[in-house]
Amino acid sequence: MELFDKKRISVIVEKACRDKVVKLLEDSGVSGFTVYKDIYGKGKSGVRDNYGSVSEISGNLEIVSITGPEVADRILQSLAALIDKGFVMIVHVVDVKVIREDYFE
């Protein structure tokens, strides 16, 4: 079976920044994305959780997109610019292989 090389980009960000990151992805040319709500964990800044969250703007979420290397590069440059402006987010990229190349542009 033939597999196709792609990049999986994950952005963990506060819910209040969701629309800005989604627009950035769409403007960069992704064919789709998935949003996982209520992300929590522990890291350099201590524990970050959603306990007691009463709104759609507090807490964290993860936005994931799988795309080709050219689009991934545009996304990462734009995300780096947001980070330079003071937006707090965790971004990681993983090389993945997919079965249907045309689903992930």
Protein backbone atom coordinates (compact mmCIF):
# COMPACT_ATOMS: atom_id res chain seq x y z
CA MET A 1 0.00 0.00 0.00
CA GLU A 2 1.32 3.43 -0.91
CA LEU A 3 1.57 5.96 1.92
CA PHE A 4 2.08 9.71 1.59
CA ASP A 5 4.28 11.93 3.76
CA LYS A 6 2.54 14.79 5.56
CA LYS A 7 3.00 17.00 8.64
CA ARG A 8 0.72 16.93 11.68
CA ILE A 9 0.63 20.32 13.39
CA SER A 10 -0.76 20.58 16.90
CA VAL A 11 -1.50 23.92 18.57
CA ILE A 12 -2.50 24.00 22.24
CA VAL A 13 -3.91 27.41 23.08
CA GLU A 14 -6.45 29.14 25.28
CA LYS A 15 -10.02 28.85 24.05
CA ALA A 16 -10.19 32.62 23.60
CA CYS A 17 -7.59 32.33 20.79
CA ARG A 18 -9.38 29.56 18.89
CA ASP A 19 -10.84 31.71 16.12
CA LYS A 20 -7.52 33.47 15.48
CA VAL A 21 -5.66 30.14 15.09
CA VAL A 22 -8.43 28.62 12.94
CA LYS A 23 -8.35 31.66 10.62
CA LEU A 24 -4.57 31.40 10.40
CA LEU A 25 -4.86 27.73 9.38
CA GLU A 26 -7.52 28.45 6.79
CA ASP A 27 -5.61 31.43 5.39
CA SER A 28 -2.52 29.21 5.10
CA GLY A 29 -4.40 26.74 2.90
CA VAL A 30 -5.20 23.73 5.09
CA SER A 31 -7.94 21.43 3.85
CA GLY A 32 -9.26 20.78 7.37
CA PHE A 33 -8.59 20.67 11.09
CA THR A 34 -9.89 19.11 14.30
CA VAL A 35 -10.48 20.88 17.63
CA TYR A 36 -10.18 18.98 20.89
CA LYS A 37 -11.73 20.84 23.82
CA ASP A 38 -10.80 20.83 27.50
CA ILE A 39 -7.11 20.04 27.20
CA TYR A 40 -5.30 20.05 30.52
CA GLY A 41 -1.98 18.96 31.91
CA LYS A 42 1.18 19.82 33.78
CA GLY A 43 4.32 21.43 32.42
CA LYS A 44 6.90 24.15 32.97
CA SER A 45 4.29 26.56 34.32
CA GLY A 46 2.72 23.99 36.63
CA VAL A 47 -0.72 22.43 36.38
CA ARG A 48 -3.11 23.90 33.84
CA ASP A 49 -6.65 22.57 34.06
CA ASN A 50 -10.22 23.45 33.24
CA TYR A 51 -11.71 22.74 36.65
CA GLY A 52 -14.33 25.33 37.37
CA SER A 53 -14.38 26.66 33.82
CA VAL A 54 -17.73 28.35 33.27
CA SER A 55 -17.34 29.72 29.78
CA GLU A 56 -16.29 28.89 26.25
CA ILE A 57 -13.31 31.26 26.47
CA SER A 58 -11.48 29.97 29.54
CA GLY A 59 -9.34 26.85 29.53
CA ASN A 60 -7.29 25.23 26.78
CA LEU A 61 -7.99 23.39 23.57
CA GLU A 62 -5.92 21.67 20.90
CA ILE A 63 -6.24 22.39 17.19
CA VAL A 64 -4.76 19.74 14.91
CA SER A 65 -4.23 19.79 11.16
CA ILE A 66 -2.49 17.39 8.79
CA THR A 67 -1.07 18.99 5.68
CA GLY A 68 1.74 19.03 3.17
CA PRO A 69 5.18 20.51 3.95
CA GLU A 70 4.62 23.76 2.03
CA VAL A 71 1.42 24.62 3.86
CA ALA A 72 2.96 23.46 7.14
CA ASP A 73 5.82 25.90 6.66
CA ARG A 74 3.39 28.80 6.12
CA ILE A 75 1.45 27.80 9.23
CA LEU A 76 4.55 27.55 11.39
CA GLN A 77 5.85 30.93 10.24
CA SER A 78 2.49 32.53 11.08
CA LEU A 79 2.29 30.80 14.46
CA ALA A 80 5.84 31.94 15.29
CA ALA A 81 4.78 35.52 14.49
CA LEU A 82 1.85 35.21 16.93
CA ILE A 83 4.15 33.86 19.62
CA ASP A 84 6.51 36.81 19.01
CA LYS A 85 3.52 39.12 19.60
CA GLY A 86 2.93 37.53 23.02
CA PHE A 87 0.37 34.81 22.29
CA VAL A 88 0.91 31.82 24.58
CA MET A 89 0.67 28.46 22.86
CA ILE A 90 2.37 25.11 22.52
CA VAL A 91 3.11 24.07 18.96
CA HIS A 92 4.52 20.76 17.83
CA VAL A 93 4.97 19.10 14.46
CA VAL A 94 5.16 15.38 13.71
CA ASP A 95 5.94 13.64 10.44
CA VAL A 96 3.04 11.33 9.57
CA LYS A 97 2.03 9.06 6.71
CA VAL A 98 -1.50 9.01 5.32
CA ILE A 99 -3.38 6.67 3.00
CA ARG A 100 -5.36 9.35 1.13
CA GLU A 101 -3.03 12.10 -0.07
CA ASP A 102 -5.82 14.26 -1.52
CA TYR A 103 -7.50 14.64 1.90
CA PHE A 104 -4.55 16.57 3.38
CA GLU A 105 -3.33 19.47 1.29
